[in-house]
N, C-alpha and C. Protein backbone atom coordinates (compact mmCIF):
# COMPACT_ATOMS: atom_id res chain seq x y z
N MET A 1 11.11 7.21 6.46
CA MET A 1 10.96 6.20 7.48
C MET A 1 9.94 6.71 8.50
N VAL A 2 8.94 5.91 8.77
CA VAL A 2 7.91 6.23 9.75
C VAL A 2 8.15 5.39 11.00
N VAL A 3 8.19 6.03 12.16
CA VAL A 3 8.41 5.32 13.42
C VAL A 3 7.11 5.37 14.23
N HIS A 4 6.54 4.19 14.49
CA HIS A 4 5.30 4.06 15.27
C HIS A 4 5.64 3.62 16.69
N ARG A 5 4.87 4.11 17.66
CA ARG A 5 4.95 3.59 19.04
C ARG A 5 3.93 2.48 19.15
N VAL A 6 4.38 1.32 19.59
CA VAL A 6 3.51 0.15 19.70
C VAL A 6 3.54 -0.33 21.15
N GLU A 7 2.38 -0.52 21.74
CA GLU A 7 2.30 -1.04 23.10
C GLU A 7 2.28 -2.56 23.03
N THR A 8 3.43 -3.17 23.33
CA THR A 8 3.55 -4.63 23.18
C THR A 8 3.65 -5.37 24.50
N ALA A 9 3.84 -4.64 25.59
CA ALA A 9 4.01 -5.30 26.89
C ALA A 9 3.45 -4.39 27.98
N TYR A 10 3.34 -4.95 29.17
CA TYR A 10 2.86 -4.20 30.33
C TYR A 10 3.82 -4.40 31.49
N ASP A 11 3.98 -3.34 32.30
CA ASP A 11 4.86 -3.46 33.46
C ASP A 11 4.09 -4.07 34.64
N GLU A 12 4.74 -4.13 35.80
CA GLU A 12 4.12 -4.79 36.96
C GLU A 12 2.87 -4.06 37.46
N ASP A 13 2.70 -2.78 37.09
CA ASP A 13 1.50 -2.03 37.46
C ASP A 13 0.43 -2.07 36.36
N ARG A 14 0.65 -2.91 35.37
CA ARG A 14 -0.24 -3.07 34.22
C ARG A 14 -0.33 -1.81 33.36
N ASP A 15 0.71 -1.00 33.40
CA ASP A 15 0.80 0.15 32.51
C ASP A 15 1.47 -0.30 31.22
N PRO A 16 1.01 0.20 30.06
CA PRO A 16 1.63 -0.21 28.81
C PRO A 16 3.07 0.28 28.69
N VAL A 17 3.92 -0.57 28.16
CA VAL A 17 5.32 -0.23 27.91
C VAL A 17 5.49 -0.17 26.39
N PRO A 18 5.64 1.04 25.84
CA PRO A 18 5.72 1.13 24.39
C PRO A 18 7.08 0.70 23.84
N SER A 19 7.05 0.16 22.65
CA SER A 19 8.27 -0.11 21.91
C SER A 19 8.13 0.60 20.57
N LEU A 20 9.20 0.67 19.81
CA LEU A 20 9.18 1.37 18.54
C LEU A 20 9.20 0.39 17.38
N SER A 21 8.41 0.70 16.37
CA SER A 21 8.36 -0.10 15.16
C SER A 21 8.53 0.87 13.99
N SER A 22 9.43 0.57 13.06
CA SER A 22 9.65 1.49 11.95
C SER A 22 9.35 0.80 10.62
N GLU A 23 8.96 1.62 9.66
CA GLU A 23 8.69 1.12 8.31
C GLU A 23 9.12 2.17 7.30
N SER A 24 9.56 1.70 6.16
CA SER A 24 9.93 2.58 5.06
C SER A 24 8.73 2.72 4.13
N VAL A 25 8.43 3.93 3.69
CA VAL A 25 7.31 4.18 2.79
C VAL A 25 7.87 4.78 1.50
N GLU A 26 7.65 4.11 0.39
CA GLU A 26 8.16 4.58 -0.90
C GLU A 26 7.19 5.58 -1.53
N GLY A 27 7.73 6.53 -2.28
CA GLY A 27 6.92 7.44 -3.07
C GLY A 27 6.34 8.63 -2.32
N VAL A 28 6.88 8.96 -1.16
CA VAL A 28 6.39 10.11 -0.40
C VAL A 28 7.03 11.38 -0.96
N LEU A 29 6.20 12.38 -1.24
CA LEU A 29 6.71 13.67 -1.70
C LEU A 29 6.98 14.55 -0.49
N VAL A 30 8.06 15.32 -0.55
CA VAL A 30 8.45 16.19 0.56
C VAL A 30 8.47 17.64 0.08
N ALA A 31 7.71 18.49 0.76
CA ALA A 31 7.69 19.92 0.44
C ALA A 31 8.10 20.69 1.69
N PRO A 32 9.01 21.65 1.54
CA PRO A 32 9.41 22.42 2.72
C PRO A 32 8.25 23.25 3.24
N GLY A 33 8.17 23.34 4.55
CA GLY A 33 7.15 24.17 5.19
C GLY A 33 7.81 25.42 5.73
N ALA A 34 7.11 26.08 6.60
CA ALA A 34 7.62 27.32 7.18
C ALA A 34 8.71 27.03 8.19
N THR A 35 9.70 27.89 8.24
CA THR A 35 10.70 27.86 9.31
C THR A 35 10.53 29.15 10.09
N SER A 36 10.74 29.08 11.39
CA SER A 36 10.56 30.29 12.20
C SER A 36 11.33 30.16 13.50
N ASP A 37 11.46 31.30 14.17
CA ASP A 37 12.03 31.30 15.51
C ASP A 37 10.93 30.86 16.47
N VAL A 38 11.32 30.16 17.52
CA VAL A 38 10.35 29.74 18.53
C VAL A 38 10.00 30.96 19.37
N ALA A 39 8.72 31.22 19.51
CA ALA A 39 8.27 32.40 20.26
C ALA A 39 8.48 32.21 21.76
N GLY A 40 8.72 33.30 22.43
CA GLY A 40 8.86 33.26 23.88
C GLY A 40 10.29 33.45 24.32
N SER A 41 10.47 34.07 25.44
CA SER A 41 11.82 34.36 25.93
C SER A 41 12.49 33.15 26.56
N ALA A 42 11.75 32.07 26.80
CA ALA A 42 12.35 30.89 27.42
C ALA A 42 13.29 30.17 26.45
N ARG A 43 13.11 30.39 25.14
CA ARG A 43 13.95 29.73 24.14
C ARG A 43 14.42 30.75 23.10
N PRO A 44 15.30 31.67 23.47
CA PRO A 44 15.70 32.73 22.55
C PRO A 44 16.45 32.24 21.32
N ASP A 45 17.10 31.08 21.39
CA ASP A 45 17.84 30.56 20.24
C ASP A 45 17.09 29.44 19.53
N GLY A 46 15.84 29.23 19.87
CA GLY A 46 15.07 28.12 19.31
C GLY A 46 14.59 28.39 17.90
N THR A 47 14.56 27.34 17.09
CA THR A 47 14.01 27.42 15.74
C THR A 47 13.05 26.25 15.52
N LYS A 48 12.09 26.46 14.63
CA LYS A 48 11.11 25.43 14.31
C LYS A 48 11.19 25.17 12.81
N VAL A 49 11.29 23.91 12.43
CA VAL A 49 11.38 23.52 11.02
C VAL A 49 10.19 22.62 10.72
N ALA A 50 9.55 22.84 9.58
CA ALA A 50 8.37 22.05 9.23
C ALA A 50 8.44 21.60 7.78
N PHE A 51 7.80 20.47 7.50
CA PHE A 51 7.65 19.95 6.15
C PHE A 51 6.21 19.48 5.97
N THR A 52 5.75 19.44 4.73
CA THR A 52 4.49 18.79 4.40
C THR A 52 4.84 17.59 3.54
N LEU A 53 4.37 16.42 3.95
CA LEU A 53 4.64 15.18 3.24
C LEU A 53 3.36 14.71 2.56
N ALA A 54 3.46 14.24 1.33
CA ALA A 54 2.31 13.69 0.61
C ALA A 54 2.52 12.18 0.52
N PHE A 55 1.68 11.43 1.23
CA PHE A 55 1.77 9.97 1.23
C PHE A 55 0.96 9.40 0.08
N PRO A 56 1.46 8.34 -0.56
CA PRO A 56 0.77 7.76 -1.72
C PRO A 56 -0.50 7.00 -1.33
N LYS A 57 -1.36 6.84 -2.32
CA LYS A 57 -2.57 6.04 -2.13
C LYS A 57 -2.17 4.64 -1.69
N GLY A 58 -2.98 4.06 -0.86
CA GLY A 58 -2.69 2.73 -0.34
C GLY A 58 -2.11 2.77 1.05
N TYR A 59 -1.48 3.88 1.42
CA TYR A 59 -0.96 4.00 2.78
C TYR A 59 -2.05 4.64 3.62
N ASP A 60 -2.62 3.87 4.55
CA ASP A 60 -3.69 4.42 5.37
C ASP A 60 -3.56 4.09 6.85
N ARG A 61 -2.34 3.77 7.28
CA ARG A 61 -2.12 3.55 8.72
C ARG A 61 -2.22 4.88 9.45
N SER A 62 -2.64 4.83 10.69
CA SER A 62 -2.71 6.03 11.50
C SER A 62 -1.30 6.55 11.77
N LEU A 63 -1.14 7.86 11.67
CA LEU A 63 0.16 8.49 11.94
C LEU A 63 0.13 9.32 13.22
N ARG A 64 -0.95 9.24 13.96
CA ARG A 64 -1.05 9.99 15.22
C ARG A 64 0.08 9.56 16.16
N GLY A 65 0.84 10.54 16.65
CA GLY A 65 1.92 10.27 17.60
C GLY A 65 3.18 9.69 16.98
N CYS A 66 3.24 9.59 15.66
CA CYS A 66 4.42 9.01 15.00
C CYS A 66 5.51 10.06 14.80
N ARG A 67 6.68 9.57 14.49
CA ARG A 67 7.81 10.40 14.12
C ARG A 67 8.25 9.95 12.73
N VAL A 68 8.82 10.88 11.97
CA VAL A 68 9.22 10.60 10.59
C VAL A 68 10.64 11.08 10.38
N SER A 69 11.45 10.26 9.72
CA SER A 69 12.77 10.72 9.29
C SER A 69 12.71 10.94 7.79
N ILE A 70 13.36 12.00 7.34
CA ILE A 70 13.34 12.40 5.93
C ILE A 70 14.74 12.27 5.38
N ALA A 71 14.87 11.60 4.25
CA ALA A 71 16.18 11.40 3.62
C ALA A 71 16.86 12.74 3.39
N GLY A 72 18.11 12.85 3.80
CA GLY A 72 18.88 14.06 3.61
C GLY A 72 18.68 15.11 4.69
N GLU A 73 17.81 14.85 5.65
CA GLU A 73 17.55 15.79 6.73
C GLU A 73 17.97 15.15 8.06
N PRO A 74 18.60 15.92 8.93
CA PRO A 74 19.02 15.35 10.22
C PRO A 74 17.84 15.17 11.17
N GLY A 75 17.90 14.15 11.99
CA GLY A 75 16.92 13.95 13.05
C GLY A 75 15.58 13.43 12.58
N GLU A 76 14.63 13.47 13.51
CA GLU A 76 13.27 13.02 13.24
C GLU A 76 12.31 14.19 13.44
N TYR A 77 11.16 14.09 12.79
CA TYR A 77 10.14 15.12 12.84
C TYR A 77 8.86 14.52 13.40
N ALA A 78 8.16 15.25 14.25
CA ALA A 78 6.92 14.78 14.85
C ALA A 78 5.75 15.07 13.92
N VAL A 79 4.86 14.10 13.76
CA VAL A 79 3.65 14.29 12.97
C VAL A 79 2.70 15.19 13.76
N VAL A 80 2.11 16.17 13.07
CA VAL A 80 1.18 17.10 13.69
C VAL A 80 -0.24 16.55 13.54
N GLY A 81 -0.92 16.36 14.65
CA GLY A 81 -2.32 15.92 14.62
C GLY A 81 -2.50 14.46 14.22
N ASP A 82 -3.61 14.18 13.56
CA ASP A 82 -3.98 12.84 13.12
C ASP A 82 -4.42 12.90 11.66
N PRO A 83 -3.47 12.94 10.72
CA PRO A 83 -3.83 13.09 9.31
C PRO A 83 -4.65 11.91 8.80
N ARG A 84 -5.56 12.21 7.89
CA ARG A 84 -6.41 11.20 7.27
C ARG A 84 -6.33 11.31 5.75
N PRO A 85 -6.44 10.19 5.05
CA PRO A 85 -6.43 10.24 3.58
C PRO A 85 -7.69 10.89 3.03
N CYS A 86 -7.55 11.52 1.89
CA CYS A 86 -8.68 12.09 1.15
C CYS A 86 -9.15 11.00 0.19
N ARG A 87 -10.17 10.27 0.55
CA ARG A 87 -10.58 9.08 -0.20
C ARG A 87 -11.41 9.40 -1.44
N GLU A 88 -12.04 10.55 -1.51
CA GLU A 88 -12.89 10.89 -2.64
C GLU A 88 -12.28 12.03 -3.44
N ASN A 89 -12.54 12.02 -4.73
CA ASN A 89 -12.09 13.09 -5.63
C ASN A 89 -10.60 13.36 -5.51
N CYS A 90 -9.82 12.32 -5.53
CA CYS A 90 -8.37 12.46 -5.43
C CYS A 90 -7.74 11.84 -6.69
N PRO A 91 -7.56 12.63 -7.75
CA PRO A 91 -7.11 12.07 -9.02
C PRO A 91 -5.61 11.77 -9.10
N THR A 92 -4.83 12.20 -8.13
CA THR A 92 -3.39 11.98 -8.20
C THR A 92 -2.99 10.71 -7.47
N LYS A 93 -1.70 10.42 -7.50
CA LYS A 93 -1.15 9.24 -6.84
C LYS A 93 -1.06 9.41 -5.32
N TRP A 94 -1.15 10.65 -4.84
CA TRP A 94 -0.97 10.93 -3.42
C TRP A 94 -2.31 11.35 -2.82
N TRP A 95 -2.63 10.83 -1.64
CA TRP A 95 -3.94 11.12 -1.08
C TRP A 95 -3.93 11.55 0.38
N MET A 96 -2.77 11.69 0.99
CA MET A 96 -2.75 12.11 2.38
C MET A 96 -1.63 13.12 2.61
N ALA A 97 -2.01 14.34 2.99
CA ALA A 97 -1.03 15.37 3.33
C ALA A 97 -0.74 15.29 4.83
N VAL A 98 0.54 15.24 5.17
CA VAL A 98 0.96 15.08 6.56
C VAL A 98 1.92 16.21 6.91
N GLU A 99 1.58 16.99 7.92
CA GLU A 99 2.48 18.04 8.39
C GLU A 99 3.36 17.47 9.49
N VAL A 100 4.66 17.76 9.41
CA VAL A 100 5.61 17.33 10.43
C VAL A 100 6.45 18.54 10.84
N GLU A 101 6.97 18.50 12.08
CA GLU A 101 7.79 19.62 12.56
C GLU A 101 8.81 19.15 13.57
N ALA A 102 9.84 19.96 13.74
CA ALA A 102 10.87 19.72 14.75
C ALA A 102 11.30 21.06 15.30
N CYS A 103 11.60 21.10 16.58
CA CYS A 103 12.09 22.32 17.23
C CYS A 103 13.49 22.08 17.75
N ASP A 104 14.37 23.03 17.52
CA ASP A 104 15.74 22.95 18.01
C ASP A 104 16.04 24.20 18.83
N GLY A 105 16.90 24.01 19.83
CA GLY A 105 17.37 25.16 20.60
C GLY A 105 16.58 25.48 21.81
């Protein structure tokens, strides 16, 4: 499930008020990424969990600032950066690698 922030309204100061829009994407491959302790003494019990997701061809919406929920995993994961599809020389069904991460603690 991909959760997008959509600016659909404005407040009295003409600042955008975001709302959330979600969509289900079929055929995404999930590969575990690195897990580690969060560096720094401010969060001694913190952990960071990451995954790499492979999105299928045909999905080309921007994922900048999105959050992703993964079946069988608790919570949501933040998309890292602004992933783009590999449009050339991509012989497989998947054309966009997306890194996601979550920090706990």
